[in-house]
PDB file of N, CA and C in Angstrom:
ATOM      1  N   MET A   1       6.362  18.785 -38.896  1.00  0.00           N
ATOM      2  CA  MET A   1       7.922  17.914 -38.544  1.00  0.00           C
ATOM      3  C   MET A   1       7.387  17.477 -37.171  1.00  0.00           C
ATOM      4  N   LYS A   2       6.475  18.401 -36.219  1.00  0.00           N
ATOM      5  CA  LYS A   2       6.803  17.746 -34.463  1.00  0.00           C
ATOM      6  C   LYS A   2       6.161  16.530 -34.467  1.00  0.00           C
ATOM      7  N   ALA A   3       4.437  17.191 -35.330  1.00  0.00           N
ATOM      8  CA  ALA A   3       3.785  16.048 -35.483  1.00  0.00           C
ATOM      9  C   ALA A   3       4.412  14.243 -35.942  1.00  0.00           C
ATOM     10  N   LYS A   4       5.299  14.609 -36.823  1.00  0.00           N
ATOM     11  CA  LYS A   4       6.153  13.199 -37.202  1.00  0.00           C
ATOM     12  C   LYS A   4       6.917  12.649 -36.166  1.00  0.00           C
ATOM     13  N   LEU A   5       7.424  13.880 -35.385  1.00  0.00           N
ATOM     14  CA  LEU A   5       9.099  13.281 -34.400  1.00  0.00           C
ATOM     15  C   LEU A   5       7.275  12.832 -32.929  1.00  0.00           C
ATOM     16  N   ALA A   6       6.482  13.085 -33.184  1.00  0.00           N
ATOM     17  CA  ALA A   6       5.651  12.968 -31.582  1.00  0.00           C
ATOM     18  C   ALA A   6       5.200  11.247 -32.205  1.00  0.00           C
ATOM     19  N   THR A   7       4.719  11.456 -33.345  1.00  0.00           N
ATOM     20  CA  THR A   7       4.067  10.096 -33.790  1.00  0.00           C
ATOM     21  C   THR A   7       5.034   8.671 -33.648  1.00  0.00           C
ATOM     22  N   ALA A   8       6.709   9.400 -34.564  1.00  0.00           N
ATOM     23  CA  ALA A   8       7.305   8.272 -34.097  1.00  0.00           C
ATOM     24  C   ALA A   8       8.077   7.937 -33.070  1.00  0.00           C
ATOM     25  N   CYS A   9       8.070   8.511 -31.794  1.00  0.00           N
ATOM     26  CA  CYS A   9       8.516   8.699 -30.183  1.00  0.00           C
ATOM     27  C   CYS A   9       7.047   7.450 -29.795  1.00  0.00           C
ATOM     28  N   PHE A  10       5.866   7.795 -30.257  1.00  0.00           N
ATOM     29  CA  PHE A  10       4.657   7.101 -29.724  1.00  0.00           C
ATOM     30  C   PHE A  10       4.931   5.735 -30.215  1.00  0.00           C
ATOM     31  N   VAL A  11       4.955   5.359 -31.388  1.00  0.00           N
ATOM     32  CA  VAL A  11       5.244   4.140 -31.957  1.00  0.00           C
ATOM     33  C   VAL A  11       6.215   3.418 -31.319  1.00  0.00           C
ATOM     34  N   ILE A  12       7.600   3.898 -31.199  1.00  0.00           N
ATOM     35  CA  ILE A  12       8.527   3.280 -30.560  1.00  0.00           C
ATOM     36  C   ILE A  12       8.270   3.034 -29.354  1.00  0.00           C
ATOM     37  N   GLY A  13       7.951   3.839 -28.719  1.00  0.00           N
ATOM     38  CA  GLY A  13       7.364   3.985 -27.309  1.00  0.00           C
ATOM     39  C   GLY A  13       6.517   2.536 -27.152  1.00  0.00           C
ATOM     40  N   THR A  14       5.351   2.680 -27.903  1.00  0.00           N
ATOM     41  CA  THR A  14       4.587   1.592 -27.893  1.00  0.00           C
ATOM     42  C   THR A  14       4.711  -0.208 -27.816  1.00  0.00           C
ATOM     43  N   MET A  15       5.778   0.178 -28.845  1.00  0.00           N
ATOM     44  CA  MET A  15       6.511  -1.511 -29.430  1.00  0.00           C
ATOM     45  C   MET A  15       7.702  -1.547 -28.268  1.00  0.00           C
ATOM     46  N   LEU A  16       8.321  -0.808 -27.584  1.00  0.00           N
ATOM     47  CA  LEU A  16       9.070  -1.152 -26.175  1.00  0.00           C
ATOM     48  C   LEU A  16       8.175  -1.649 -24.924  1.00  0.00           C
ATOM     49  N   VAL A  17       6.967  -0.864 -24.897  1.00  0.00           N
ATOM     50  CA  VAL A  17       6.320  -1.515 -23.699  1.00  0.00           C
ATOM     51  C   VAL A  17       6.227  -3.000 -23.189  1.00  0.00           C
ATOM     52  N   PRO A  18       6.183  -3.954 -23.770  1.00  0.00           N
ATOM     53  CA  PRO A  18       5.943  -5.143 -24.089  1.00  0.00           C
ATOM     54  C   PRO A  18       7.653  -6.199 -23.207  1.00  0.00           C
ATOM     55  N   PHE A  19       8.682  -5.182 -23.910  1.00  0.00           N
ATOM     56  CA  PHE A  19       9.833  -5.544 -23.242  1.00  0.00           C
ATOM     57  C   PHE A  19      10.103  -5.182 -21.776  1.00  0.00           C
ATOM     58  N   ALA A  20       9.563  -3.737 -21.945  1.00  0.00           N
ATOM     59  CA  ALA A  20      10.229  -3.636 -20.358  1.00  0.00           C
ATOM     60  C   ALA A  20       8.947  -3.978 -19.293  1.00  0.00           C
ATOM     61  N   ALA A  21       8.019  -4.557 -20.089  1.00  0.00           N
ATOM     62  CA  ALA A  21       7.085  -5.282 -18.843  1.00  0.00           C
ATOM     63  C   ALA A  21       7.831  -6.827 -18.535  1.00  0.00           C
ATOM     64  N   HIS A  22       8.202  -7.220 -19.572  1.00  0.00           N
ATOM     65  CA  HIS A  22       8.909  -8.586 -19.251  1.00  0.00           C
ATOM     66  C   HIS A  22      10.177  -8.497 -18.649  1.00  0.00           C
ATOM     67  N   ALA A  23      10.961  -7.636 -18.834  1.00  0.00           N
ATOM     68  CA  ALA A  23      12.109  -7.227 -17.761  1.00  0.00           C
ATOM     69  C   ALA A  23      11.558  -7.035 -16.379  1.00  0.00           C
ATOM     70  N   ALA A  24      10.399  -6.478 -16.372  1.00  0.00           N
ATOM     71  CA  ALA A  24      10.242  -5.758 -14.878  1.00  0.00           C
ATOM     72  C   ALA A  24       9.516  -7.485 -14.051  1.00  0.00           C
ATOM     73  N   ASP A  25       9.418  -8.506 -14.517  1.00  0.00           N
ATOM     74  CA  ASP A  25       8.674  -9.168 -14.056  1.00  0.00           C
ATOM     75  C   ASP A  25      10.110 -10.382 -13.440  1.00  0.00           C
ATOM     76  N   GLY A  26      10.472  -9.872 -12.299  1.00  0.00           N
ATOM     77  CA  GLY A  26      11.168 -10.533 -11.564  1.00  0.00           C
ATOM     78  C   GLY A  26      10.390 -12.219 -10.925  1.00  0.00           C
ATOM     79  N   ASP A  27       9.418 -12.916 -11.241  1.00  0.00           N
ATOM     80  CA  ASP A  27       9.198 -14.117 -10.802  1.00  0.00           C
ATOM     81  C   ASP A  27       9.583 -15.095 -11.742  1.00  0.00           C
ATOM     82  N   SER A  28      10.278 -15.518 -12.524  1.00  0.00           N
ATOM     83  CA  SER A  28      10.762 -16.375 -13.497  1.00  0.00           C
ATOM     84  C   SER A  28       9.953 -17.646 -13.631  1.00  0.00           C
ATOM     85  N   ASP A  29       9.225 -18.046 -11.993  1.00  0.00           N
ATOM     86  CA  ASP A  29       8.708 -19.651 -11.843  1.00  0.00           C
ATOM     87  C   ASP A  29       7.468 -19.300 -12.451  1.00  0.00           C
ATOM     88  N   ARG A  30       6.668 -18.056 -12.908  1.00  0.00           N
ATOM     89  CA  ARG A  30       5.045 -18.233 -13.176  1.00  0.00           C
ATOM     90  C   ARG A  30       4.957 -17.423 -14.476  1.00  0.00           C
ATOM     91  N   LYS A  31       5.951 -17.986 -15.832  1.00  0.00           N
ATOM     92  CA  LYS A  31       6.349 -17.441 -16.678  1.00  0.00           C
ATOM     93  C   LYS A  31       4.304 -17.583 -17.528  1.00  0.00           C
ATOM     94  N   HIS A  32       3.907 -18.802 -16.947  1.00  0.00           N
ATOM     95  CA  HIS A  32       2.849 -19.127 -17.858  1.00  0.00           C
ATOM     96  C   HIS A  32       1.875 -18.760 -17.033  1.00  0.00           C
ATOM     97  N   PRO A  33       0.708 -18.372 -17.012  1.00  0.00           N
ATOM     98  CA  PRO A  33      -0.583 -18.286 -16.582  1.00  0.00           C
ATOM     99  C   PRO A  33      -1.063 -19.333 -15.505  1.00  0.00           C
ATOM    100  N   MET A  34      -0.857 -20.641 -16.332  1.00  0.00           N
ATOM    101  CA  MET A  34      -1.598 -21.813 -15.701  1.00  0.00           C
ATOM    102  C   MET A  34      -0.680 -22.407 -14.465  1.00  0.00           C
ATOM    103  N   THR A  35       0.420 -21.783 -13.859  1.00  0.00           N
ATOM    104  CA  THR A  35       1.365 -22.214 -13.091  1.00  0.00           C
ATOM    105  C   THR A  35       0.954 -21.274 -12.197  1.00  0.00           C
ATOM    106  N   PHE A  36       0.329 -19.879 -12.362  1.00  0.00           N
ATOM    107  CA  PHE A  36      -0.139 -18.963 -11.195  1.00  0.00           C
ATOM    108  C   PHE A  36      -1.415 -19.498 -10.753  1.00  0.00           C
ATOM    109  N   VAL A  37      -2.271 -20.505 -11.532  1.00  0.00           N
ATOM    110  CA  VAL A  37      -3.754 -20.566 -11.526  1.00  0.00           C
ATOM    111  C   VAL A  37      -3.205 -22.010 -10.357  1.00  0.00           C
ATOM    112  N   LYS A  38      -2.685 -22.849 -10.955  1.00  0.00           N
ATOM    113  CA  LYS A  38      -2.445 -24.025 -10.207  1.00  0.00           C
ATOM    114  C   LYS A  38      -1.677 -23.935  -8.576  1.00  0.00           C
ATOM    115  N   ASP A  39      -0.800 -22.897  -8.525  1.00  0.00           N
ATOM    116  CA  ASP A  39      -0.349 -22.288  -6.993  1.00  0.00           C
ATOM    117  C   ASP A  39      -1.435 -21.762  -6.274  1.00  0.00           C
ATOM    118  N   SER A  40      -1.996 -21.053  -6.896  1.00  0.00           N
ATOM    119  CA  SER A  40      -3.806 -20.520  -6.011  1.00  0.00           C
ATOM    120  C   SER A  40      -4.694 -21.930  -5.778  1.00  0.00           C
ATOM    121  N   VAL A  41      -4.418 -22.606  -7.002  1.00  0.00           N
ATOM    122  CA  VAL A  41      -5.857 -23.684  -6.236  1.00  0.00           C
ATOM    123  C   VAL A  41      -5.123 -24.389  -5.345  1.00  0.00           C
ATOM    124  N   ILE A  42      -3.928 -24.528  -5.051  1.00  0.00           N
ATOM    125  CA  ILE A  42      -3.066 -25.297  -3.868  1.00  0.00           C
ATOM    126  C   ILE A  42      -3.334 -24.928  -2.709  1.00  0.00           C
ATOM    127  N   THR A  43      -3.156 -23.181  -2.584  1.00  0.00           N
ATOM    128  CA  THR A  43      -3.082 -22.318  -1.443  1.00  0.00           C
ATOM    129  C   THR A  43      -4.591 -22.015  -1.107  1.00  0.00           C
ATOM    130  N   ALA A  44      -5.624 -22.427  -1.532  1.00  0.00           N
ATOM    131  CA  ALA A  44      -6.638 -21.936  -1.919  1.00  0.00           C
ATOM    132  C   ALA A  44      -7.472 -22.983  -0.761  1.00  0.00           C
ATOM    133  N   LYS A  45      -7.205 -24.362  -1.493  1.00  0.00           N
ATOM    134  CA  LYS A  45      -7.166 -25.905  -1.043  1.00  0.00           C
ATOM    135  C   LYS A  45      -6.652 -26.128   0.628  1.00  0.00           C
ATOM    136  N   ILE A  46      -5.549 -25.480   0.959  1.00  0.00           N
ATOM    137  CA  ILE A  46      -4.871 -25.454   2.122  1.00  0.00           C
ATOM    138  C   ILE A  46      -5.492 -24.798   3.158  1.00  0.00           C
ATOM    139  N   LYS A  47      -5.585 -23.567   2.519  1.00  0.00           N
ATOM    140  CA  LYS A  47      -6.577 -22.368   3.392  1.00  0.00           C
ATOM    141  C   LYS A  47      -8.122 -23.413   3.929  1.00  0.00           C
ATOM    142  N   ALA A  48      -8.855 -23.642   3.308  1.00  0.00           N
ATOM    143  CA  ALA A  48     -10.033 -24.400   3.462  1.00  0.00           C
ATOM    144  C   ALA A  48      -9.929 -25.217   4.413  1.00  0.00           C
ATOM    145  N   LYS A  49      -8.812 -25.949   4.130  1.00  0.00           N
ATOM    146  CA  LYS A  49      -8.740 -26.833   5.321  1.00  0.00           C
ATOM    147  C   LYS A  49      -8.641 -26.717   6.377  1.00  0.00           C
ATOM    148  N   LEU A  50      -7.350 -25.453   6.681  1.00  0.00           N
ATOM    149  CA  LEU A  50      -6.908 -25.009   7.449  1.00  0.00           C
ATOM    150  C   LEU A  50      -8.463 -24.245   8.551  1.00  0.00           C
ATOM    151  N   ALA A  51      -9.098 -23.674   7.856  1.00  0.00           N
ATOM    152  CA  ALA A  51     -10.412 -23.268   8.151  1.00  0.00           C
ATOM    153  C   ALA A  51     -11.714 -24.205   8.593  1.00  0.00           C
ATOM    154  N   ASP A  52     -11.408 -25.266   8.035  1.00  0.00           N
ATOM    155  CA  ASP A  52     -12.533 -26.309   8.120  1.00  0.00           C
ATOM    156  C   ASP A  52     -12.195 -27.014   9.433  1.00  0.00           C
ATOM    157  N   GLU A  53     -11.097 -26.621  10.106  1.00  0.00           N
ATOM    158  CA  GLU A  53     -10.466 -27.302  11.236  1.00  0.00           C
ATOM    159  C   GLU A  53     -11.132 -26.648  12.568  1.00  0.00           C
ATOM    160  N   LYS A  54     -11.346 -25.842  12.379  1.00  0.00           N
ATOM    161  CA  LYS A  54     -12.368 -24.753  13.621  1.00  0.00           C
ATOM    162  C   LYS A  54     -11.643 -24.214  14.771  1.00  0.00           C
ATOM    163  N   ILE A  55     -10.120 -24.431  14.652  1.00  0.00           N
ATOM    164  CA  ILE A  55      -9.323 -23.762  15.433  1.00  0.00           C
ATOM    165  C   ILE A  55      -9.341 -22.451  14.581  1.00  0.00           C
ATOM    166  N   SER A  56      -9.747 -21.077  15.881  1.00  0.00           N
ATOM    167  CA  SER A  56      -9.049 -19.755  15.184  1.00  0.00           C
ATOM    168  C   SER A  56      -8.033 -19.384  14.645  1.00  0.00           C
ATOM    169  N   THR A  57      -6.743 -19.601  15.141  1.00  0.00           N
ATOM    170  CA  THR A  57      -5.471 -19.281  14.438  1.00  0.00           C
ATOM    171  C   THR A  57      -5.247 -19.730  13.507  1.00  0.00           C
ATOM    172  N   LEU A  58      -5.448 -21.295  13.051  1.00  0.00           N
ATOM    173  CA  LEU A  58      -5.174 -22.043  12.228  1.00  0.00           C
ATOM    174  C   LEU A  58      -6.086 -21.360  10.499  1.00  0.00           C
ATOM    175  N   ALA A  59      -6.798 -20.533  10.907  1.00  0.00           N
ATOM    176  CA  ALA A  59      -7.532 -19.598   9.718  1.00  0.00           C
ATOM    177  C   ALA A  59      -6.799 -18.286   9.724  1.00  0.00           C
ATOM    178  N   HIS A  60      -5.744 -18.156  10.280  1.00  0.00           N
ATOM    179  CA  HIS A  60      -4.951 -16.659  10.282  1.00  0.00           C
ATOM    180  C   HIS A  60      -3.614 -17.369   9.637  1.00  0.00           C
ATOM    181  N   ILE A  61      -2.949 -18.357   9.314  1.00  0.00           N
ATOM    182  CA  ILE A  61      -2.126 -18.879   8.739  1.00  0.00           C
ATOM    183  C   ILE A  61      -1.769 -18.684   7.313  1.00  0.00           C
ATOM    184  N   LYS A  62      -0.386 -17.473   6.826  1.00  0.00           N
ATOM    185  CA  LYS A  62      -0.631 -17.550   5.757  1.00  0.00           C
ATOM    186  C   LYS A  62       0.063 -18.939   5.159  1.00  0.00           C
ATOM    187  N   VAL A  63      -0.456 -18.598   3.857  1.00  0.00           N
ATOM    188  CA  VAL A  63      -0.038 -19.861   3.211  1.00  0.00           C
ATOM    189  C   VAL A  63       0.750 -19.294   1.664  1.00  0.00           C
ATOM    190  N   ASP A  64       1.629 -19.844   1.597  1.00  0.00           N
ATOM    191  CA  ASP A  64       2.082 -19.420   0.283  1.00  0.00           C
ATOM    192  C   ASP A  64       3.073 -20.531  -0.659  1.00  0.00           C
ATOM    193  N   THR A  65       2.917 -20.459  -2.156  1.00  0.00           N
ATOM    194  CA  THR A  65       2.876 -21.779  -3.077  1.00  0.00           C
ATOM    195  C   THR A  65       3.840 -21.363  -4.107  1.00  0.00           C
ATOM    196  N   ASP A  66       4.700 -22.079  -4.141  1.00  0.00           N
ATOM    197  CA  ASP A  66       5.673 -21.739  -5.477  1.00  0.00           C
ATOM    198  C   ASP A  66       5.390 -22.508  -6.318  1.00  0.00           C
ATOM    199  N   ALA A  67       5.945 -22.526  -7.903  1.00  0.00           N
ATOM    200  CA  ALA A  67       5.307 -23.121  -9.189  1.00  0.00           C
ATOM    201  C   ALA A  67       5.583 -24.232  -9.079  1.00  0.00           C
ATOM    202  N   LYS A  68       6.530 -25.415  -7.995  1.00  0.00           N
ATOM    203  CA  LYS A  68       6.508 -26.252  -7.929  1.00  0.00           C
ATOM    204  C   LYS A  68       5.934 -27.141  -7.240  1.00  0.00           C
ATOM    205  N   GLY A  69       4.909 -26.477  -6.080  1.00  0.00           N
ATOM    206  CA  GLY A  69       4.050 -27.129  -5.110  1.00  0.00           C
ATOM    207  C   GLY A  69       4.991 -26.678  -4.345  1.00  0.00           C
ATOM    208  N   GLY A  70       5.917 -26.060  -4.225  1.00  0.00           N
ATOM    209  CA  GLY A  70       6.670 -25.961  -2.479  1.00  0.00           C
ATOM    210  C   GLY A  70       5.447 -24.987  -1.658  1.00  0.00           C
ATOM    211  N   VAL A  71       5.085 -25.405  -0.191  1.00  0.00           N
ATOM    212  CA  VAL A  71       4.500 -24.413   0.216  1.00  0.00           C
ATOM    213  C   VAL A  71       5.265 -23.772   1.900  1.00  0.00           C
ATOM    214  N   VAL A  72       4.708 -22.835   1.980  1.00  0.00           N
ATOM    215  CA  VAL A  72       5.381 -22.036   3.164  1.00  0.00           C
ATOM    216  C   VAL A  72       4.192 -21.385   4.038  1.00  0.00           C
ATOM    217  N   LEU A  73       4.121 -22.016   5.111  1.00  0.00           N
ATOM    218  CA  LEU A  73       3.306 -21.285   6.046  1.00  0.00           C
ATOM    219  C   LEU A  73       3.915 -20.508   6.955  1.00  0.00           C
ATOM    220  N   SER A  74       3.360 -19.333   7.488  1.00  0.00           N
ATOM    221  CA  SER A  74       3.671 -18.553   8.492  1.00  0.00           C
ATOM    222  C   SER A  74       2.357 -18.200   9.120  1.00  0.00           C
ATOM    223  N   GLY A  75       2.879 -17.466  10.480  1.00  0.00           N
ATOM    224  CA  GLY A  75       1.729 -16.918  11.415  1.00  0.00           C
ATOM    225  C   GLY A  75       2.162 -17.174  12.467  1.00  0.00           C
ATOM    226  N   LYS A  76       1.248 -17.182  13.191  1.00  0.00           N
ATOM    227  CA  LYS A  76       1.288 -17.682  15.174  1.00  0.00           C
ATOM    228  C   LYS A  76       0.052 -18.275  15.655  1.00  0.00           C
ATOM    229  N   VAL A  77       0.530 -19.445  16.100  1.00  0.00           N
ATOM    230  CA  VAL A  77      -0.670 -20.497  17.104  1.00  0.00           C
ATOM    231  C   VAL A  77      -0.410 -20.175  18.022  1.00  0.00           C
ATOM    232  N   LYS A  78      -1.519 -21.124  18.544  1.00  0.00           N
ATOM    233  CA  LYS A  78      -1.272 -21.102  20.377  1.00  0.00           C
ATOM    234  C   LYS A  78      -0.497 -22.090  20.838  1.00  0.00           C
ATOM    235  N   SER A  79      -0.249 -23.367  19.881  1.00  0.00           N
ATOM    236  CA  SER A  79       0.621 -24.069  20.633  1.00  0.00           C
ATOM    237  C   SER A  79       1.620 -25.225  19.278  1.00  0.00           C
ATOM    238  N   SER A  80       2.252 -25.695  19.834  1.00  0.00           N
ATOM    239  CA  SER A  80       3.172 -26.948  18.925  1.00  0.00           C
ATOM    240  C   SER A  80       1.968 -27.900  18.287  1.00  0.00           C
ATOM    241  N   ASP A  81       1.076 -28.781  18.865  1.00  0.00           N
ATOM    242  CA  ASP A  81       0.160 -29.326  18.814  1.00  0.00           C
ATOM    243  C   ASP A  81      -0.947 -28.937  17.073  1.00  0.00           C
ATOM    244  N   GLU A  82      -0.910 -27.209  17.064  1.00  0.00           N
ATOM    245  CA  GLU A  82      -1.292 -26.829  16.399  1.00  0.00           C
ATOM    246  C   GLU A  82      -0.929 -26.472  15.075  1.00  0.00           C
ATOM    247  N   GLU A  83       0.688 -26.229  15.155  1.00  0.00           N
ATOM    248  CA  GLU A  83       1.234 -26.167  14.454  1.00  0.00           C
ATOM    249  C   GLU A  83       1.531 -27.042  13.688  1.00  0.00           C
ATOM    250  N   ALA A  84       1.812 -28.000  14.198  1.00  0.00           N
ATOM    251  CA  ALA A  84       1.578 -29.773  13.935  1.00  0.00           C
ATOM    252  C   ALA A  84       0.674 -29.856  12.966  1.00  0.00           C
ATOM    253  N   LYS A  85      -0.629 -29.580  13.569  1.00  0.00           N
ATOM    254  CA  LYS A  85      -1.642 -30.130  12.388  1.00  0.00           C
ATOM    255  C   LYS A  85      -1.655 -29.160  11.268  1.00  0.00           C
ATOM    256  N   ALA A  86      -1.408 -28.027  11.033  1.00  0.00           N
ATOM    257  CA  ALA A  86      -1.305 -26.827   9.973  1.00  0.00           C
ATOM    258  C   ALA A  86      -0.403 -27.599   8.719  1.00  0.00           C
ATOM    259  N   VAL A  87       0.690 -28.277   9.508  1.00  0.00           N
ATOM    260  CA  VAL A  87       1.627 -28.493   8.136  1.00  0.00           C
ATOM    261  C   VAL A  87       1.646 -30.211   7.961  1.00  0.00           C
ATOM    262  N   SER A  88       0.889 -30.747   8.762  1.00  0.00           N
ATOM    263  CA  SER A  88      -0.099 -32.295   8.488  1.00  0.00           C
ATOM    264  C   SER A  88      -0.783 -31.767   7.276  1.00  0.00           C
ATOM    265  N   ILE A  89      -1.971 -30.849   7.442  1.00  0.00           N
ATOM    266  CA  ILE A  89      -2.568 -30.627   6.527  1.00  0.00           C
ATOM    267  C   ILE A  89      -2.562 -30.069   5.034  1.00  0.00           C
ATOM    268  N   ALA A  90      -1.217 -29.520   5.391  1.00  0.00           N
ATOM    269  CA  ALA A  90      -0.449 -28.801   3.923  1.00  0.00           C
ATOM    270  C   ALA A  90       0.346 -29.871   3.416  1.00  0.00           C
ATOM    271  N   ARG A  91       0.824 -30.841   3.530  1.00  0.00           N
ATOM    272  CA  ARG A  91       1.135 -32.178   3.607  1.00  0.00           C
ATOM    273  C   ARG A  91       0.292 -33.214   2.860  1.00  0.00           C
ATOM    274  N   GLU A  92      -0.610 -33.187   3.261  1.00  0.00           N
ATOM    275  CA  GLU A  92      -1.847 -34.250   2.551  1.00  0.00           C
ATOM    276  C   GLU A  92      -2.641 -33.605   1.287  1.00  0.00           C
ATOM    277  N   THR A  93      -2.231 -31.846   1.419  1.00  0.00           N
ATOM    278  CA  THR A  93      -2.973 -31.619   0.171  1.00  0.00           C
ATOM    279  C   THR A  93      -2.569 -32.363  -1.104  1.00  0.00           C
ATOM    280  N   GLU A  94      -3.713 -32.196  -1.952  1.00  0.00           N
ATOM    281  CA  GLU A  94      -2.404 -33.004  -3.489  1.00  0.00           C
ATOM    282  C   GLU A  94      -1.975 -31.738  -3.983  1.00  0.00           C
ATOM    283  N   GLY A  95      -0.790 -31.882  -4.544  1.00  0.00           N
ATOM    284  CA  GLY A  95      -0.045 -31.050  -5.600  1.00  0.00           C
ATOM    285  C   GLY A  95       1.050 -30.515  -4.723  1.00  0.00           C
ATOM    286  N   VAL A  96       1.291 -30.694  -3.535  1.00  0.00           N
ATOM    287  CA  VAL A  96       1.906 -30.285  -2.637  1.00  0.00           C
ATOM    288  C   VAL A  96       3.339 -31.486  -3.058  1.00  0.00           C
ATOM    289  N   THR A  97       4.419 -30.626  -3.132  1.00  0.00           N
ATOM    290  CA  THR A  97       5.757 -31.143  -3.151  1.00  0.00           C
ATOM    291  C   THR A  97       6.541 -30.898  -2.028  1.00  0.00           C
ATOM    292  N   SER A  98       6.488 -30.244  -1.122  1.00  0.00           N
ATOM    293  CA  SER A  98       7.221 -29.818   0.352  1.00  0.00           C
ATOM    294  C   SER A  98       6.480 -28.829   0.971  1.00  0.00           C
ATOM    295  N   VAL A  99       6.715 -29.192   2.144  1.00  0.00           N
ATOM    296  CA  VAL A  99       6.333 -27.898   3.412  1.00  0.00           C
ATOM    297  C   VAL A  99       6.983 -27.253   3.961  1.00  0.00           C
ATOM    298  N   LYS A 100       7.428 -25.936   4.379  1.00  0.00           N
ATOM    299  CA  LYS A 100       8.308 -25.341   5.227  1.00  0.00           C
ATOM    300  C   LYS A 100       7.606 -24.300   6.189  1.00  0.00           C
ATOM    301  N   SER A 101       7.598 -24.737   7.756  1.00  0.00           N
ATOM    302  CA  SER A 101       6.977 -23.960   8.319  1.00  0.00           C
ATOM    303  C   SER A 101       8.131 -22.980   8.919  1.00  0.00           C
ATOM    304  N   LYS A 102       7.018 -21.459   8.595  1.00  0.00           N
ATOM    305  CA  LYS A 102       7.386 -20.441   9.920  1.00  0.00           C
ATOM    306  C   LYS A 102       6.796 -19.761  10.687  1.00  0.00           C
ATOM    307  N   ILE A 103       5.916 -20.788  11.097  1.00  0.00           N
ATOM    308  CA  ILE A 103       4.918 -20.547  12.106  1.00  0.00           C
ATOM    309  C   ILE A 103       5.563 -20.274  13.780  1.00  0.00           C
ATOM    310  N   ARG A 104       5.147 -19.509  13.981  1.00  0.00           N
ATOM    311  CA  ARG A 104       5.530 -18.935  15.560  1.00  0.00           C
ATOM    312  C   ARG A 104       4.531 -19.630  16.536  1.00  0.00           C
ATOM    313  N   ILE A 105       4.810 -19.764  17.438  1.00  0.00           N
ATOM    314  CA  ILE A 105       3.384 -20.424  18.986  1.00  0.00           C
ATOM    315  C   ILE A 105       3.933 -18.898  19.837  1.00  0.00           C
ATOM    316  N   LYS A 106       2.618 -18.764  19.577  1.00  0.00           N
ATOM    317  CA  LYS A 106       2.330 -17.676  21.097  1.00  0.00           C
ATOM    318  C   LYS A 106       2.806 -17.821  22.226  1.00  0.00           C
ATOM    319  N   LYS A 107       3.320 -16.756  22.838  1.00  0.00           N
ATOM    320  CA  LYS A 107       3.257 -17.330  24.535  1.00  0.00           C
ATOM    321  C   LYS A 107       2.566 -16.692  25.184  1.00  0.00           C
ATOM    322  N   GLY A 108       2.020 -17.063  25.684  1.00  0.00           N
ATOM    323  CA  GLY A 108       1.042 -16.448  27.458  1.00  0.00           C
ATOM    324  C   GLY A 108      -0.285 -15.590  26.800  1.00  0.00           C
ATOM    325  N   ASP A 109      -1.083 -16.224  26.128  1.00  0.00           N
ATOM    326  CA  ASP A 109      -2.306 -15.831  25.891  1.00  0.00           C
ATOM    327  C   ASP A 109      -3.324 -16.926  26.721  1.00  0.00           C
TER     328      ASP A 109
END
């Protein structure tokens, strides 16, 4: 009897796992795997372009991309020119629909 009960609980639990996993996924913009890949490609392109600039602080800027191509840049740079350069690079990247800068300028280095 215990074996039947344990087996039934196991089967029911196994059937509920996909529902629990789906309910735990709070990022509804990324339901499809290709959306995540597209976001990652845009992020990687921007990070590569920032690194190519040979300005050390630009390589440390964090880039987040949402499912609609919106980009948020964050981190610290030495000057407003570096911030403008980072924003410009992001805007010129294929697939980007908007750019929001949360970049802060370091004081006194």
